[in-house]
């Protein structure tokens, strides 16, 4: 005979909701962090590309500014 008490459904539901909320927050945090790092990489690439282009133009035409 099994005399183990039945689990309280309310506590399981509460734990599941807390776990779901924590999972969503972690997922959104990782997504935001990856987008921010990608933005910083693109920003540096554009800045370096503009610098190289400006140096190339100055070598052909003289000082731009």
C-alpha atoms as a PDB file:
ATOM      1  CA  UNK A   1       0.000   0.000   0.000  1.00  0.00           C
ATOM      2  CA  UNK A   2       1.181   3.442  -0.897  1.00  0.00           C
ATOM      3  CA  UNK A   3       0.494   5.928   1.900  1.00  0.00           C
ATOM      4  CA  UNK A   4       2.637   8.793   0.604  1.00  0.00           C
ATOM      5  CA  UNK A   5       0.799  12.124   0.709  1.00  0.00           C
ATOM      6  CA  UNK A   6      -0.287  13.599  -2.577  1.00  0.00           C
ATOM      7  CA  UNK A   7       1.758  16.633  -3.633  1.00  0.00           C
ATOM      8  CA  UNK A   8       0.118  19.973  -3.106  1.00  0.00           C
ATOM      9  CA  UNK A   9      -0.942  21.126  -6.572  1.00  0.00           C
ATOM     10  CA  UNK A  10      -0.821  24.826  -5.658  1.00  0.00           C
ATOM     11  CA  UNK A  11       2.820  24.668  -4.577  1.00  0.00           C
ATOM     12  CA  UNK A  12       3.786  22.806  -7.756  1.00  0.00           C
ATOM     13  CA  UNK A  13       1.973  25.378  -9.872  1.00  0.00           C
ATOM     14  CA  UNK A  14       3.669  28.225  -8.011  1.00  0.00           C
ATOM     15  CA  UNK A  15       7.110  26.664  -8.418  1.00  0.00           C
ATOM     16  CA  UNK A  16       6.444  26.118 -12.114  1.00  0.00           C
ATOM     17  CA  UNK A  17       5.422  29.727 -12.631  1.00  0.00           C
ATOM     18  CA  UNK A  18       8.476  31.018 -10.756  1.00  0.00           C
ATOM     19  CA  UNK A  19      10.696  28.755 -12.860  1.00  0.00           C
ATOM     20  CA  UNK A  20       9.019  29.947 -16.040  1.00  0.00           C
ATOM     21  CA  UNK A  21       9.459  33.615 -15.111  1.00  0.00           C
ATOM     22  CA  UNK A  22      13.123  33.101 -14.204  1.00  0.00           C
ATOM     23  CA  UNK A  23      13.670  31.250 -17.491  1.00  0.00           C
ATOM     24  CA  UNK A  24      12.085  34.049 -19.509  1.00  0.00           C
ATOM     25  CA  UNK A  25      14.155  36.701 -17.713  1.00  0.00           C
ATOM     26  CA  UNK A  26      17.388  34.759 -18.312  1.00  0.00           C
ATOM     27  CA  UNK A  27      16.467  34.200 -21.977  1.00  0.00           C
ATOM     28  CA  UNK A  28      15.725  37.881 -22.548  1.00  0.00           C
ATOM     29  CA  UNK A  29      18.911  38.865 -20.716  1.00  0.00           C
ATOM     30  CA  UNK A  30      21.071  36.629 -22.910  1.00  0.00           C
ATOM     31  CA  UNK A  31      19.299  37.922 -26.016  1.00  0.00           C
ATOM     32  CA  UNK A  32      19.818  41.558 -24.990  1.00  0.00           C
ATOM     33  CA  UNK A  33      23.473  40.942 -24.139  1.00  0.00           C
ATOM     34  CA  UNK A  34      24.149  39.264 -27.479  1.00  0.00           C
ATOM     35  CA  UNK A  35      22.459  42.104 -29.382  1.00  0.00           C
ATOM     36  CA  UNK A  36      24.468  44.700 -27.435  1.00  0.00           C
ATOM     37  CA  UNK A  37      27.763  42.924 -28.106  1.00  0.00           C
ATOM     38  CA  UNK A  38      26.847  42.629 -31.790  1.00  0.00           C
ATOM     39  CA  UNK A  39      26.076  46.348 -31.871  1.00  0.00           C
ATOM     40  CA  UNK A  40      29.451  47.186 -30.334  1.00  0.00           C
ATOM     41  CA  UNK A  41      31.254  44.983 -32.867  1.00  0.00           C
ATOM     42  CA  UNK A  42      29.407  46.610 -35.783  1.00  0.00           C
ATOM     43  CA  UNK A  43      30.071  50.087 -34.401  1.00  0.00           C
ATOM     44  CA  UNK A  44      33.810  49.386 -34.170  1.00  0.00           C
ATOM     45  CA  UNK A  45      33.849  47.896 -37.669  1.00  0.00           C
ATOM     46  CA  UNK A  46      32.098  50.920 -39.174  1.00  0.00           C
ATOM     47  CA  UNK A  47      34.394  53.326 -37.329  1.00  0.00           C
ATOM     48  CA  UNK A  48      37.498  51.487 -38.558  1.00  0.00           C
ATOM     49  CA  UNK A  49      36.108  51.271 -42.086  1.00  0.00           C
ATOM     50  CA  UNK A  50      35.411  55.014 -42.169  1.00  0.00           C
ATOM     51  CA  UNK A  51      38.891  55.752 -40.838  1.00  0.00           C
ATOM     52  CA  UNK A  52      40.494  53.594 -43.544  1.00  0.00           C
ATOM     53  CA  UNK A  53      38.316  55.166 -46.227  1.00  0.00           C
ATOM     54  CA  UNK A  54      39.190  58.671 -45.040  1.00  0.00           C
ATOM     55  CA  UNK A  55      42.902  57.846 -45.068  1.00  0.00           C
ATOM     56  CA  UNK A  56      42.543  56.453 -48.588  1.00  0.00           C
ATOM     57  CA  UNK A  57      40.735  59.574 -49.782  1.00  0.00           C
ATOM     58  CA  UNK A  58      43.337  61.853 -48.193  1.00  0.00           C
ATOM     59  CA  UNK A  59      46.128  59.931 -49.887  1.00  0.00           C
ATOM     60  CA  UNK A  60      44.456  60.550 -53.259  1.00  0.00           C
ATOM     61  CA  UNK A  61      43.164  64.119 -52.856  1.00  0.00           C
ATOM     62  CA  UNK A  62      45.049  65.665 -49.989  1.00  0.00           C
ATOM     63  CA  UNK A  63      43.767  66.767 -46.596  1.00  0.00           C
ATOM     64  CA  UNK A  64      39.957  66.589 -46.372  1.00  0.00           C
ATOM     65  CA  UNK A  65      39.416  68.831 -43.361  1.00  0.00           C
END
